[in-house]
Amino acid sequence: MAAQLEPSEAWINDWLLGVDLTREADLARSFVDVFARFWVAQRLSEKSETTRRRHSGSLRALGGHLVKEGVEPEYSEWTAHELLWEAVEIGEGPMIFGGDEAWQGELDATCRRLRRYLEAQR
């Protein structure tokens, strides 16, 4: 059975930490919604499996990172959109794969595309 690469509700449970389940679930749903619209707008389902896997992995890592960040006290009042924009606004992703340049490079590439998409939605 092939893994589901498109952003879906199934990703939400992967991102829940158990710190503040309501906030975590709300953030996760918001990220999945944005990522799913991004996926469609970028026509990623029409791309090669390698490309789909790369973007899927990056989006999953980004979403999990942002949910974790979103429950930290200094970000507790931030919206999902604010967290997402802060993560991609400089044209790179947050340092998630610091020890692996190849993975971090893939995340950065996905975040650059996501940033352009978000800018176009404004």
PDB file of N, CA and C in Angstrom:
ATOM      1  N   MET A   1       0.842  -1.172   0.000  1.00  0.00           N
ATOM      2  CA  MET A   1       0.000   0.000   0.000  1.00  0.00           C
ATOM      3  C   MET A   1       0.889   1.238   0.000  1.00  0.00           C
ATOM      4  N   ALA A   2       0.650   2.148  -0.915  1.00  0.00           N
ATOM      5  CA  ALA A   2       1.449   3.358  -1.032  1.00  0.00           C
ATOM      6  C   ALA A   2       1.125   4.322   0.096  1.00  0.00           C
ATOM      7  N   ALA A   3       2.154   4.992   0.577  1.00  0.00           N
ATOM      8  CA  ALA A   3       1.952   5.991   1.628  1.00  0.00           C
ATOM      9  C   ALA A   3       1.214   7.186   1.052  1.00  0.00           C
ATOM     10  N   GLN A   4       0.352   7.769   1.860  1.00  0.00           N
ATOM     11  CA  GLN A   4      -0.346   8.971   1.428  1.00  0.00           C
ATOM     12  C   GLN A   4       0.614  10.135   1.569  1.00  0.00           C
ATOM     13  N   LEU A   5       0.904  10.783   0.463  1.00  0.00           N
ATOM     14  CA  LEU A   5       1.856  11.876   0.474  1.00  0.00           C
ATOM     15  C   LEU A   5       1.178  13.230   0.596  1.00  0.00           C
ATOM     16  N   GLU A   6      -0.056  13.343   0.115  1.00  0.00           N
ATOM     17  CA  GLU A   6      -0.763  14.614   0.173  1.00  0.00           C
ATOM     18  C   GLU A   6      -1.097  14.963   1.620  1.00  0.00           C
ATOM     19  N   PRO A   7      -1.031  16.252   1.967  1.00  0.00           N
ATOM     20  CA  PRO A   7      -1.433  16.652   3.320  1.00  0.00           C
ATOM     21  C   PRO A   7      -2.858  16.192   3.618  1.00  0.00           C
ATOM     22  N   SER A   8      -3.047  15.611   4.794  1.00  0.00           N
ATOM     23  CA  SER A   8      -4.364  15.097   5.155  1.00  0.00           C
ATOM     24  C   SER A   8      -4.570  15.172   6.664  1.00  0.00           C
ATOM     25  N   GLU A   9      -5.811  14.950   7.054  1.00  0.00           N
ATOM     26  CA  GLU A   9      -6.168  14.949   8.476  1.00  0.00           C
ATOM     27  C   GLU A   9      -5.349  13.920   9.261  1.00  0.00           C
ATOM     28  N   ALA A  10      -4.879  12.882   8.598  1.00  0.00           N
ATOM     29  CA  ALA A  10      -4.086  11.850   9.273  1.00  0.00           C
ATOM     30  C   ALA A  10      -2.793  12.423   9.855  1.00  0.00           C
ATOM     31  N   TRP A  11      -2.312  13.517   9.291  1.00  0.00           N
ATOM     32  CA  TRP A  11      -1.074  14.128   9.785  1.00  0.00           C
ATOM     33  C   TRP A  11      -1.264  14.729  11.177  1.00  0.00           C
ATOM     34  N   ILE A  12      -2.486  15.142  11.491  1.00  0.00           N
ATOM     35  CA  ILE A  12      -2.745  15.852  12.742  1.00  0.00           C
ATOM     36  C   ILE A  12      -2.287  15.034  13.948  1.00  0.00           C
ATOM     37  N   ASN A  13      -2.663  13.762  14.000  1.00  0.00           N
ATOM     38  CA  ASN A  13      -2.286  12.925  15.144  1.00  0.00           C
ATOM     39  C   ASN A  13      -0.779  12.787  15.289  1.00  0.00           C
ATOM     40  N   ASP A  14      -0.058  12.829  14.176  1.00  0.00           N
ATOM     41  CA  ASP A  14       1.402  12.738  14.229  1.00  0.00           C
ATOM     42  C   ASP A  14       2.015  13.949  14.927  1.00  0.00           C
ATOM     43  N   TRP A  15       1.314  15.060  14.895  1.00  0.00           N
ATOM     44  CA  TRP A  15       1.853  16.311  15.429  1.00  0.00           C
ATOM     45  C   TRP A  15       1.420  16.601  16.864  1.00  0.00           C
ATOM     46  N   LEU A  16       0.485  15.846  17.412  1.00  0.00           N
ATOM     47  CA  LEU A  16      -0.005  16.119  18.757  1.00  0.00           C
ATOM     48  C   LEU A  16       1.039  15.715  19.797  1.00  0.00           C
ATOM     49  N   LEU A  17       1.268  16.614  20.747  1.00  0.00           N
ATOM     50  CA  LEU A  17       2.298  16.410  21.757  1.00  0.00           C
ATOM     51  C   LEU A  17       1.732  16.039  23.118  1.00  0.00           C
ATOM     52  N   GLY A  18       0.482  16.432  23.374  1.00  0.00           N
ATOM     53  CA  GLY A  18      -0.135  16.178  24.662  1.00  0.00           C
ATOM     54  C   GLY A  18       0.098  17.271  25.679  1.00  0.00           C
ATOM     55  N   VAL A  19       0.617  18.412  25.254  1.00  0.00           N
ATOM     56  CA  VAL A  19       0.854  19.539  26.154  1.00  0.00           C
ATOM     57  C   VAL A  19      -0.424  20.348  26.322  1.00  0.00           C
ATOM     58  N   ASP A  20      -1.022  20.717  25.185  1.00  0.00           N
ATOM     59  CA  ASP A  20      -2.279  21.472  25.153  1.00  0.00           C
ATOM     60  C   ASP A  20      -3.026  20.963  23.922  1.00  0.00           C
ATOM     61  N   LEU A  21      -3.733  19.858  24.096  1.00  0.00           N
ATOM     62  CA  LEU A  21      -4.328  19.162  22.951  1.00  0.00           C
ATOM     63  C   LEU A  21      -5.258  20.024  22.117  1.00  0.00           C
ATOM     64  N   THR A  22      -6.008  20.910  22.752  1.00  0.00           N
ATOM     65  CA  THR A  22      -6.921  21.763  21.988  1.00  0.00           C
ATOM     66  C   THR A  22      -6.137  22.685  21.071  1.00  0.00           C
ATOM     67  N   ARG A  23      -5.153  23.378  21.621  1.00  0.00           N
ATOM     68  CA  ARG A  23      -4.337  24.286  20.804  1.00  0.00           C
ATOM     69  C   ARG A  23      -3.568  23.502  19.736  1.00  0.00           C
ATOM     70  N   GLU A  24      -2.988  22.403  20.116  1.00  0.00           N
ATOM     71  CA  GLU A  24      -2.227  21.600  19.162  1.00  0.00           C
ATOM     72  C   GLU A  24      -3.100  21.161  17.991  1.00  0.00           C
ATOM     73  N   ALA A  25      -4.296  20.676  18.287  1.00  0.00           N
ATOM     74  CA  ALA A  25      -5.203  20.210  17.231  1.00  0.00           C
ATOM     75  C   ALA A  25      -5.659  21.365  16.353  1.00  0.00           C
ATOM     76  N   ASP A  26      -5.944  22.520  16.954  1.00  0.00           N
ATOM     77  CA  ASP A  26      -6.354  23.684  16.166  1.00  0.00           C
ATOM     78  C   ASP A  26      -5.236  24.128  15.228  1.00  0.00           C
ATOM     79  N   LEU A  27      -4.020  24.226  15.757  1.00  0.00           N
ATOM     80  CA  LEU A  27      -2.882  24.593  14.918  1.00  0.00           C
ATOM     81  C   LEU A  27      -2.673  23.567  13.812  1.00  0.00           C
ATOM     82  N   ALA A  28      -2.695  22.287  14.183  1.00  0.00           N
ATOM     83  CA  ALA A  28      -2.456  21.222  13.205  1.00  0.00           C
ATOM     84  C   ALA A  28      -3.483  21.258  12.080  1.00  0.00           C
ATOM     85  N   ARG A  29      -4.753  21.454  12.428  1.00  0.00           N
ATOM     86  CA  ARG A  29      -5.793  21.541  11.388  1.00  0.00           C
ATOM     87  C   ARG A  29      -5.533  22.722  10.454  1.00  0.00           C
ATOM     88  N   SER A  30      -5.140  23.839  11.026  1.00  0.00           N
ATOM     89  CA  SER A  30      -4.849  25.020  10.205  1.00  0.00           C
ATOM     90  C   SER A  30      -3.682  24.751   9.262  1.00  0.00           C
ATOM     91  N   PHE A  31      -2.627  24.120   9.770  1.00  0.00           N
ATOM     92  CA  PHE A  31      -1.479  23.825   8.913  1.00  0.00           C
ATOM     93  C   PHE A  31      -1.847  22.832   7.818  1.00  0.00           C
ATOM     94  N   VAL A  32      -2.594  21.793   8.156  1.00  0.00           N
ATOM     95  CA  VAL A  32      -3.007  20.818   7.146  1.00  0.00           C
ATOM     96  C   VAL A  32      -3.845  21.514   6.061  1.00  0.00           C
ATOM     97  N   ASP A  33      -4.728  22.410   6.465  1.00  0.00           N
ATOM     98  CA  ASP A  33      -5.553  23.134   5.496  1.00  0.00           C
ATOM     99  C   ASP A  33      -4.689  23.953   4.539  1.00  0.00           C
ATOM    100  N   VAL A  34      -3.757  24.723   5.072  1.00  0.00           N
ATOM    101  CA  VAL A  34      -2.867  25.530   4.219  1.00  0.00           C
ATOM    102  C   VAL A  34      -2.018  24.627   3.341  1.00  0.00           C
ATOM    103  N   PHE A  35      -1.449  23.580   3.919  1.00  0.00           N
ATOM    104  CA  PHE A  35      -0.584  22.687   3.152  1.00  0.00           C
ATOM    105  C   PHE A  35      -1.361  21.979   2.042  1.00  0.00           C
ATOM    106  N   ALA A  36      -2.601  21.590   2.312  1.00  0.00           N
ATOM    107  CA  ALA A  36      -3.415  20.920   1.281  1.00  0.00           C
ATOM    108  C   ALA A  36      -3.712  21.876   0.129  1.00  0.00           C
ATOM    109  N   ARG A  37      -4.054  23.127   0.448  1.00  0.00           N
ATOM    110  CA  ARG A  37      -4.304  24.113  -0.615  1.00  0.00           C
ATOM    111  C   ARG A  37      -3.029  24.401  -1.400  1.00  0.00           C
ATOM    112  N   PHE A  38      -1.900  24.478  -0.709  1.00  0.00           N
ATOM    113  CA  PHE A  38      -0.599  24.664  -1.353  1.00  0.00           C
ATOM    114  C   PHE A  38      -0.313  23.501  -2.301  1.00  0.00           C
ATOM    115  N   TRP A  39      -0.565  22.290  -1.847  1.00  0.00           N
ATOM    116  CA  TRP A  39      -0.312  21.080  -2.634  1.00  0.00           C
ATOM    117  C   TRP A  39      -1.090  21.132  -3.952  1.00  0.00           C
ATOM    118  N   VAL A  40      -2.357  21.511  -3.862  1.00  0.00           N
ATOM    119  CA  VAL A  40      -3.207  21.592  -5.049  1.00  0.00           C
ATOM    120  C   VAL A  40      -2.743  22.728  -5.956  1.00  0.00           C
ATOM    121  N   ALA A  41      -2.504  23.893  -5.378  1.00  0.00           N
ATOM    122  CA  ALA A  41      -2.103  25.060  -6.174  1.00  0.00           C
ATOM    123  C   ALA A  41      -0.782  24.815  -6.906  1.00  0.00           C
ATOM    124  N   GLN A  42       0.110  24.072  -6.278  1.00  0.00           N
ATOM    125  CA  GLN A  42       1.405  23.771  -6.894  1.00  0.00           C
ATOM    126  C   GLN A  42       1.347  22.548  -7.808  1.00  0.00           C
ATOM    127  N   ARG A  43       0.183  21.924  -7.855  1.00  0.00           N
ATOM    128  CA  ARG A  43      -0.039  20.736  -8.686  1.00  0.00           C
ATOM    129  C   ARG A  43       0.981  19.636  -8.376  1.00  0.00           C
ATOM    130  N   LEU A  44       1.244  19.472  -7.101  1.00  0.00           N
ATOM    131  CA  LEU A  44       2.263  18.514  -6.685  1.00  0.00           C
ATOM    132  C   LEU A  44       1.860  17.074  -6.953  1.00  0.00           C
ATOM    133  N   SER A  45       0.569  16.802  -7.012  1.00  0.00           N
ATOM    134  CA  SER A  45       0.125  15.432  -7.320  1.00  0.00           C
ATOM    135  C   SER A  45       0.521  15.002  -8.722  1.00  0.00           C
ATOM    136  N   GLU A  46       0.811  15.973  -9.566  1.00  0.00           N
ATOM    137  CA  GLU A  46       1.215  15.668 -10.946  1.00  0.00           C
ATOM    138  C   GLU A  46       2.723  15.506 -11.091  1.00  0.00           C
ATOM    139  N   LYS A  47       3.456  15.744 -10.028  1.00  0.00           N
ATOM    140  CA  LYS A  47       4.912  15.665 -10.071  1.00  0.00           C
ATOM    141  C   LYS A  47       5.378  14.229  -9.837  1.00  0.00           C
ATOM    142  N   SER A  48       6.655  14.010 -10.015  1.00  0.00           N
ATOM    143  CA  SER A  48       7.217  12.674  -9.814  1.00  0.00           C
ATOM    144  C   SER A  48       7.072  12.249  -8.350  1.00  0.00           C
ATOM    145  N   GLU A  49       7.145  10.959  -8.117  1.00  0.00           N
ATOM    146  CA  GLU A  49       7.028  10.462  -6.751  1.00  0.00           C
ATOM    147  C   GLU A  49       8.142  11.027  -5.878  1.00  0.00           C
ATOM    148  N   THR A  50       9.323  11.166  -6.421  1.00  0.00           N
ATOM    149  CA  THR A  50      10.439  11.725  -5.654  1.00  0.00           C
ATOM    150  C   THR A  50      10.124  13.143  -5.201  1.00  0.00           C
ATOM    151  N   THR A  51       9.601  13.947  -6.099  1.00  0.00           N
ATOM    152  CA  THR A  51       9.243  15.332  -5.765  1.00  0.00           C
ATOM    153  C   THR A  51       8.126  15.358  -4.741  1.00  0.00           C
ATOM    154  N   ARG A  52       7.116  14.510  -4.930  1.00  0.00           N
ATOM    155  CA  ARG A  52       6.016  14.454  -3.965  1.00  0.00           C
ATOM    156  C   ARG A  52       6.523  14.050  -2.586  1.00  0.00           C
ATOM    157  N   ARG A  53       7.402  13.053  -2.534  1.00  0.00           N
ATOM    158  CA  ARG A  53       7.947  12.608  -1.247  1.00  0.00           C
ATOM    159  C   ARG A  53       8.760  13.715  -0.574  1.00  0.00           C
ATOM    160  N   ARG A  54       9.538  14.435  -1.373  1.00  0.00           N
ATOM    161  CA  ARG A  54      10.358  15.510  -0.827  1.00  0.00           C
ATOM    162  C   ARG A  54       9.487  16.582  -0.179  1.00  0.00           C
ATOM    163  N   HIS A  55       8.469  17.033  -0.908  1.00  0.00           N
ATOM    164  CA  HIS A  55       7.598  18.081  -0.374  1.00  0.00           C
ATOM    165  C   HIS A  55       6.738  17.564   0.774  1.00  0.00           C
ATOM    166  N   SER A  56       6.277  16.338   0.676  1.00  0.00           N
ATOM    167  CA  SER A  56       5.480  15.759   1.748  1.00  0.00           C
ATOM    168  C   SER A  56       6.293  15.682   3.043  1.00  0.00           C
ATOM    169  N   GLY A  57       7.506  15.165   2.944  1.00  0.00           N
ATOM    170  CA  GLY A  57       8.357  15.068   4.124  1.00  0.00           C
ATOM    171  C   GLY A  57       8.658  16.427   4.731  1.00  0.00           C
ATOM    172  N   SER A  58       8.904  17.398   3.878  1.00  0.00           N
ATOM    173  CA  SER A  58       9.209  18.746   4.370  1.00  0.00           C
ATOM    174  C   SER A  58       7.997  19.377   5.037  1.00  0.00           C
ATOM    175  N   LEU A  59       6.830  19.233   4.434  1.00  0.00           N
ATOM    176  CA  LEU A  59       5.618  19.801   5.026  1.00  0.00           C
ATOM    177  C   LEU A  59       5.279  19.122   6.350  1.00  0.00           C
ATOM    178  N   ARG A  60       5.458  17.823   6.407  1.00  0.00           N
ATOM    179  CA  ARG A  60       5.181  17.103   7.659  1.00  0.00           C
ATOM    180  C   ARG A  60       6.130  17.563   8.761  1.00  0.00           C
ATOM    181  N   ALA A  61       7.408  17.695   8.424  1.00  0.00           N
ATOM    182  CA  ALA A  61       8.385  18.159   9.414  1.00  0.00           C
ATOM    183  C   ALA A  61       8.081  19.589   9.848  1.00  0.00           C
ATOM    184  N   LEU A  62       7.741  20.442   8.892  1.00  0.00           N
ATOM    185  CA  LEU A  62       7.424  21.835   9.207  1.00  0.00           C
ATOM    186  C   LEU A  62       6.202  21.925  10.105  1.00  0.00           C
ATOM    187  N   GLY A  63       5.152  21.197   9.781  1.00  0.00           N
ATOM    188  CA  GLY A  63       3.941  21.215  10.600  1.00  0.00           C
ATOM    189  C   GLY A  63       4.200  20.754  12.014  1.00  0.00           C
ATOM    190  N   GLY A  64       4.930  19.667  12.171  1.00  0.00           N
ATOM    191  CA  GLY A  64       5.250  19.174  13.505  1.00  0.00           C
ATOM    192  C   GLY A  64       6.077  20.166  14.304  1.00  0.00           C
ATOM    193  N   HIS A  65       7.032  20.775  13.637  1.00  0.00           N
ATOM    194  CA  HIS A  65       7.867  21.794  14.286  1.00  0.00           C
ATOM    195  C   HIS A  65       7.020  22.978  14.741  1.00  0.00           C
ATOM    196  N   LEU A  66       6.109  23.419  13.879  1.00  0.00           N
ATOM    197  CA  LEU A  66       5.291  24.595  14.205  1.00  0.00           C
ATOM    198  C   LEU A  66       4.282  24.310  15.315  1.00  0.00           C
ATOM    199  N   VAL A  67       3.732  23.114  15.353  1.00  0.00           N
ATOM    200  CA  VAL A  67       2.823  22.760  16.453  1.00  0.00           C
ATOM    201  C   VAL A  67       3.609  22.771  17.763  1.00  0.00           C
ATOM    202  N   LYS A  68       4.800  22.187  17.750  1.00  0.00           N
ATOM    203  CA  LYS A  68       5.637  22.180  18.956  1.00  0.00           C
ATOM    204  C   LYS A  68       5.958  23.605  19.389  1.00  0.00           C
ATOM    205  N   GLU A  69       6.325  24.436  18.444  1.00  0.00           N
ATOM    206  CA  GLU A  69       6.637  25.828  18.748  1.00  0.00           C
ATOM    207  C   GLU A  69       5.399  26.568  19.265  1.00  0.00           C
ATOM    208  N   GLY A  70       4.255  26.267  18.685  1.00  0.00           N
ATOM    209  CA  GLY A  70       3.014  26.959  19.026  1.00  0.00           C
ATOM    210  C   GLY A  70       2.520  26.752  20.440  1.00  0.00           C
ATOM    211  N   VAL A  71       2.995  25.714  21.117  1.00  0.00           N
ATOM    212  CA  VAL A  71       2.584  25.498  22.507  1.00  0.00           C
ATOM    213  C   VAL A  71       3.623  26.023  23.503  1.00  0.00           C
ATOM    214  N   GLU A  72       4.718  26.559  22.998  1.00  0.00           N
ATOM    215  CA  GLU A  72       5.700  27.179  23.882  1.00  0.00           C
ATOM    216  C   GLU A  72       5.140  28.515  24.364  1.00  0.00           C
ATOM    217  N   PRO A  73       5.403  28.878  25.620  1.00  0.00           N
ATOM    218  CA  PRO A  73       4.802  30.082  26.197  1.00  0.00           C
ATOM    219  C   PRO A  73       4.978  31.351  25.360  1.00  0.00           C
ATOM    220  N   GLU A  74       6.130  31.561  24.768  1.00  0.00           N
ATOM    221  CA  GLU A  74       6.350  32.794  24.011  1.00  0.00           C
ATOM    222  C   GLU A  74       5.533  32.872  22.724  1.00  0.00           C
ATOM    223  N   TYR A  75       4.970  31.743  22.286  1.00  0.00           N
ATOM    224  CA  TYR A  75       4.155  31.725  21.064  1.00  0.00           C
ATOM    225  C   TYR A  75       2.696  31.391  21.340  1.00  0.00           C
ATOM    226  N   SER A  76       2.311  31.340  22.580  1.00  0.00           N
ATOM    227  CA  SER A  76       0.968  30.870  22.937  1.00  0.00           C
ATOM    228  C   SER A  76      -0.162  31.743  22.386  1.00  0.00           C
ATOM    229  N   GLU A  77       0.119  32.989  22.091  1.00  0.00           N
ATOM    230  CA  GLU A  77      -0.910  33.887  21.551  1.00  0.00           C
ATOM    231  C   GLU A  77      -0.852  34.011  20.033  1.00  0.00           C
ATOM    232  N   TRP A  78       0.119  33.397  19.423  1.00  0.00           N
ATOM    233  CA  TRP A  78       0.298  33.509  17.970  1.00  0.00           C
ATOM    234  C   TRP A  78      -0.719  32.629  17.247  1.00  0.00           C
ATOM    235  N   THR A  79      -1.193  33.115  16.120  1.00  0.00           N
ATOM    236  CA  THR A  79      -2.088  32.313  15.279  1.00  0.00           C
ATOM    237  C   THR A  79      -1.251  31.346  14.439  1.00  0.00           C
ATOM    238  N   ALA A  80      -1.915  30.384  13.850  1.00  0.00           N
ATOM    239  CA  ALA A  80      -1.228  29.446  12.963  1.00  0.00           C
ATOM    240  C   ALA A  80      -0.592  30.193  11.804  1.00  0.00           C
ATOM    241  N   HIS A  81      -1.315  31.177  11.264  1.00  0.00           N
ATOM    242  CA  HIS A  81      -0.778  31.949  10.140  1.00  0.00           C
ATOM    243  C   HIS A  81       0.491  32.696  10.561  1.00  0.00           C
ATOM    244  N   GLU A  82       0.483  33.289  11.740  1.00  0.00           N
ATOM    245  CA  GLU A  82       1.664  34.020  12.213  1.00  0.00           C
ATOM    246  C   GLU A  82       2.853  33.076  12.397  1.00  0.00           C
ATOM    247  N   LEU A  83       2.613  31.910  12.967  1.00  0.00           N
ATOM    248  CA  LEU A  83       3.689  30.935  13.135  1.00  0.00           C
ATOM    249  C   LEU A  83       4.247  30.494  11.782  1.00  0.00           C
ATOM    250  N   LEU A  84       3.355  30.220  10.850  1.00  0.00           N
ATOM    251  CA  LEU A  84       3.780  29.764   9.531  1.00  0.00           C
ATOM    252  C   LEU A  84       4.562  30.845   8.806  1.00  0.00           C
ATOM    253  N   TRP A  85       4.046  32.054   8.824  1.00  0.00           N
ATOM    254  CA  TRP A  85       4.727  33.145   8.117  1.00  0.00           C
ATOM    255  C   TRP A  85       6.107  33.396   8.718  1.00  0.00           C
ATOM    256  N   GLU A  86       6.188  33.403  10.045  1.00  0.00           N
ATOM    257  CA  GLU A  86       7.475  33.605  10.720  1.00  0.00           C
ATOM    258  C   GLU A  86       8.484  32.538  10.277  1.00  0.00           C
ATOM    259  N   ALA A  87       8.011  31.326  10.073  1.00  0.00           N
ATOM    260  CA  ALA A  87       8.899  30.214   9.707  1.00  0.00           C
ATOM    261  C   ALA A  87       9.421  30.316   8.283  1.00  0.00           C
ATOM    262  N   VAL A  88       8.656  30.922   7.370  1.00  0.00           N
ATOM    263  CA  VAL A  88       9.055  30.909   5.954  1.00  0.00           C
ATOM    264  C   VAL A  88       9.408  32.283   5.393  1.00  0.00           C
ATOM    265  N   GLU A  89       9.205  33.350   6.148  1.00  0.00           N
ATOM    266  CA  GLU A  89       9.320  34.693   5.587  1.00  0.00           C
ATOM    267  C   GLU A  89      10.706  35.060   5.089  1.00  0.00           C
ATOM    268  N   ILE A  90      11.764  34.471   5.633  1.00  0.00           N
ATOM    269  CA  ILE A  90      13.097  34.843   5.175  1.00  0.00           C
ATOM    270  C   ILE A  90      13.553  34.027   3.964  1.00  0.00           C
ATOM    271  N   GLY A  91      12.689  33.147   3.481  1.00  0.00           N
ATOM    272  CA  GLY A  91      13.032  32.362   2.303  1.00  0.00           C
ATOM    273  C   GLY A  91      13.726  31.052   2.601  1.00  0.00           C
ATOM    274  N   GLU A  92      13.790  30.713   3.855  1.00  0.00           N
ATOM    275  CA  GLU A  92      14.325  29.430   4.290  1.00  0.00           C
ATOM    276  C   GLU A  92      13.394  28.884   5.350  1.00  0.00           C
ATOM    277  N   GLY A  93      13.532  27.620   5.627  1.00  0.00           N
ATOM    278  CA  GLY A  93      12.726  27.037   6.679  1.00  0.00           C
ATOM    279  C   GLY A  93      13.433  27.147   8.013  1.00  0.00           C
ATOM    280  N   PRO A  94      12.733  26.830   9.087  1.00  0.00           N
ATOM    281  CA  PRO A  94      13.382  26.807  10.396  1.00  0.00           C
ATOM    282  C   PRO A  94      14.428  25.697  10.435  1.00  0.00           C
ATOM    283  N   MET A  95      15.389  25.826  11.310  1.00  0.00           N
ATOM    284  CA  MET A  95      16.448  24.825  11.419  1.00  0.00           C
ATOM    285  C   MET A  95      15.888  23.582  12.105  1.00  0.00           C
ATOM    286  N   ILE A  96      15.440  22.652  11.294  1.00  0.00           N
ATOM    287  CA  ILE A  96      14.889  21.401  11.795  1.00  0.00           C
ATOM    288  C   ILE A  96      15.890  20.278  11.608  1.00  0.00           C
ATOM    289  N   PHE A  97      16.558  20.293  10.470  1.00  0.00           N
ATOM    290  CA  PHE A  97      17.513  19.232  10.133  1.00  0.00           C
ATOM    291  C   PHE A  97      18.934  19.781  10.179  1.00  0.00           C
ATOM    292  N   GLY A  98      19.296  20.423  11.276  1.00  0.00           N
ATOM    293  CA  GLY A  98      20.594  21.082  11.400  1.00  0.00           C
ATOM    294  C   GLY A  98      21.784  20.191  11.125  1.00  0.00           C
ATOM    295  N   GLY A  99      21.686  18.931  11.427  1.00  0.00           N
ATOM    296  CA  GLY A  99      22.798  18.020  11.225  1.00  0.00           C
ATOM    297  C   GLY A  99      22.829  17.376   9.850  1.00  0.00           C
ATOM    298  N   ASP A 100      21.847  17.659   9.030  1.00  0.00           N
ATOM    299  CA  ASP A 100      21.761  17.024   7.717  1.00  0.00           C
ATOM    300  C   ASP A 100      21.471  18.088   6.657  1.00  0.00           C
ATOM    301  N   GLU A 101      22.526  18.515   5.979  1.00  0.00           N
ATOM    302  CA  GLU A 101      22.383  19.600   5.006  1.00  0.00           C
ATOM    303  C   GLU A 101      21.424  19.256   3.868  1.00  0.00           C
ATOM    304  N   ALA A 102      21.424  18.012   3.422  1.00  0.00           N
ATOM    305  CA  ALA A 102      20.548  17.631   2.313  1.00  0.00           C
ATOM    306  C   ALA A 102      19.078  17.769   2.716  1.00  0.00           C
ATOM    307  N   TRP A 103      18.716  17.258   3.896  1.00  0.00           N
ATOM    308  CA  TRP A 103      17.329  17.356   4.360  1.00  0.00           C
ATOM    309  C   TRP A 103      16.958  18.808   4.604  1.00  0.00           C
ATOM    310  N   GLN A 104      17.866  19.559   5.233  1.00  0.00           N
ATOM    311  CA  GLN A 104      17.576  20.968   5.498  1.00  0.00           C
ATOM    312  C   GLN A 104      17.413  21.720   4.184  1.00  0.00           C
ATOM    313  N   GLY A 105      18.195  21.380   3.182  1.00  0.00           N
ATOM    314  CA  GLY A 105      18.070  22.016   1.872  1.00  0.00           C
ATOM    315  C   GLY A 105      16.712  21.741   1.237  1.00  0.00           C
ATOM    316  N   GLU A 106      16.219  20.523   1.390  1.00  0.00           N
ATOM    317  CA  GLU A 106      14.892  20.187   0.853  1.00  0.00           C
ATOM    318  C   GLU A 106      13.806  20.957   1.594  1.00  0.00           C
ATOM    319  N   LEU A 107      13.935  21.048   2.915  1.00  0.00           N
ATOM    320  CA  LEU A 107      12.976  21.827   3.693  1.00  0.00           C
ATOM    321  C   LEU A 107      13.005  23.289   3.260  1.00  0.00           C
ATOM    322  N   ASP A 108      14.190  23.850   3.101  1.00  0.00           N
ATOM    323  CA  ASP A 108      14.313  25.245   2.678  1.00  0.00           C
ATOM    324  C   ASP A 108      13.663  25.465   1.311  1.00  0.00           C
ATOM    325  N   ALA A 109      13.857  24.537   0.385  1.00  0.00           N
ATOM    326  CA  ALA A 109      13.264  24.662  -0.954  1.00  0.00           C
ATOM    327  C   ALA A 109      11.734  24.644  -0.869  1.00  0.00           C
ATOM    328  N   THR A 110      11.186  23.741  -0.075  1.00  0.00           N
ATOM    329  CA  THR A 110       9.732  23.689   0.101  1.00  0.00           C
ATOM    330  C   THR A 110       9.240  24.975   0.751  1.00  0.00           C
ATOM    331  N   CYS A 111       9.954  25.476   1.739  1.00  0.00           N
ATOM    332  CA  CYS A 111       9.545  26.712   2.420  1.00  0.00           C
ATOM    333  C   CYS A 111       9.594  27.910   1.478  1.00  0.00           C
ATOM    334  N   ARG A 112      10.554  27.951   0.565  1.00  0.00           N
ATOM    335  CA  ARG A 112      10.591  29.045  -0.421  1.00  0.00           C
ATOM    336  C   ARG A 112       9.344  29.006  -1.309  1.00  0.00           C
ATOM    337  N   ARG A 113       8.985  27.814  -1.751  1.00  0.00           N
ATOM    338  CA  ARG A 113       7.765  27.680  -2.567  1.00  0.00           C
ATOM    339  C   ARG A 113       6.528  28.056  -1.759  1.00  0.00           C
ATOM    340  N   LEU A 114       6.481  27.614  -0.524  1.00  0.00           N
ATOM    341  CA  LEU A 114       5.351  27.914   0.350  1.00  0.00           C
ATOM    342  C   LEU A 114       5.263  29.415   0.599  1.00  0.00           C
ATOM    343  N   ARG A 115       6.388  30.063   0.790  1.00  0.00           N
ATOM    344  CA  ARG A 115       6.407  31.522   0.990  1.00  0.00           C
ATOM    345  C   ARG A 115       5.819  32.233  -0.226  1.00  0.00           C
ATOM    346  N   ARG A 116       6.246  31.848  -1.412  1.00  0.00           N
ATOM    347  CA  ARG A 116       5.702  32.480  -2.634  1.00  0.00           C
ATOM    348  C   ARG A 116       4.202  32.248  -2.726  1.00  0.00           C
ATOM    349  N   TYR A 117       3.767  31.058  -2.375  1.00  0.00           N
ATOM    350  CA  TYR A 117       2.332  30.753  -2.392  1.00  0.00           C
ATOM    351  C   TYR A 117       1.582  31.645  -1.404  1.00  0.00           C
ATOM    352  N   LEU A 118       2.095  31.747  -0.182  1.00  0.00           N
ATOM    353  CA  LEU A 118       1.433  32.580   0.838  1.00  0.00           C
ATOM    354  C   LEU A 118       1.406  34.058   0.429  1.00  0.00           C
ATOM    355  N   GLU A 119       2.482  34.526  -0.169  1.00  0.00           N
ATOM    356  CA  GLU A 119       2.511  35.907  -0.633  1.00  0.00           C
ATOM    357  C   GLU A 119       1.448  36.145  -1.688  1.00  0.00           C
ATOM    358  N   ALA A 120       1.266  35.201  -2.572  1.00  0.00           N
ATOM    359  CA  ALA A 120       0.260  35.334  -3.644  1.00  0.00           C
ATOM    360  C   ALA A 120      -1.156  35.318  -3.085  1.00  0.00           C
ATOM    361  N   GLN A 121      -1.341  34.738  -1.899  1.00  0.00           N
ATOM    362  CA  GLN A 121      -2.671  34.648  -1.287  1.00  0.00           C
ATOM    363  C   GLN A 121      -3.048  35.928  -0.552  1.00  0.00           C
ATOM    364  N   ARG A 122      -2.109  36.818  -0.340  1.00  0.00           N
ATOM    365  CA  ARG A 122      -2.382  38.062   0.411  1.00  0.00           C
ATOM    366  C   ARG A 122      -3.221  39.000  -0.389  1.00  0.00           C
TER     367      ARG A 122
END
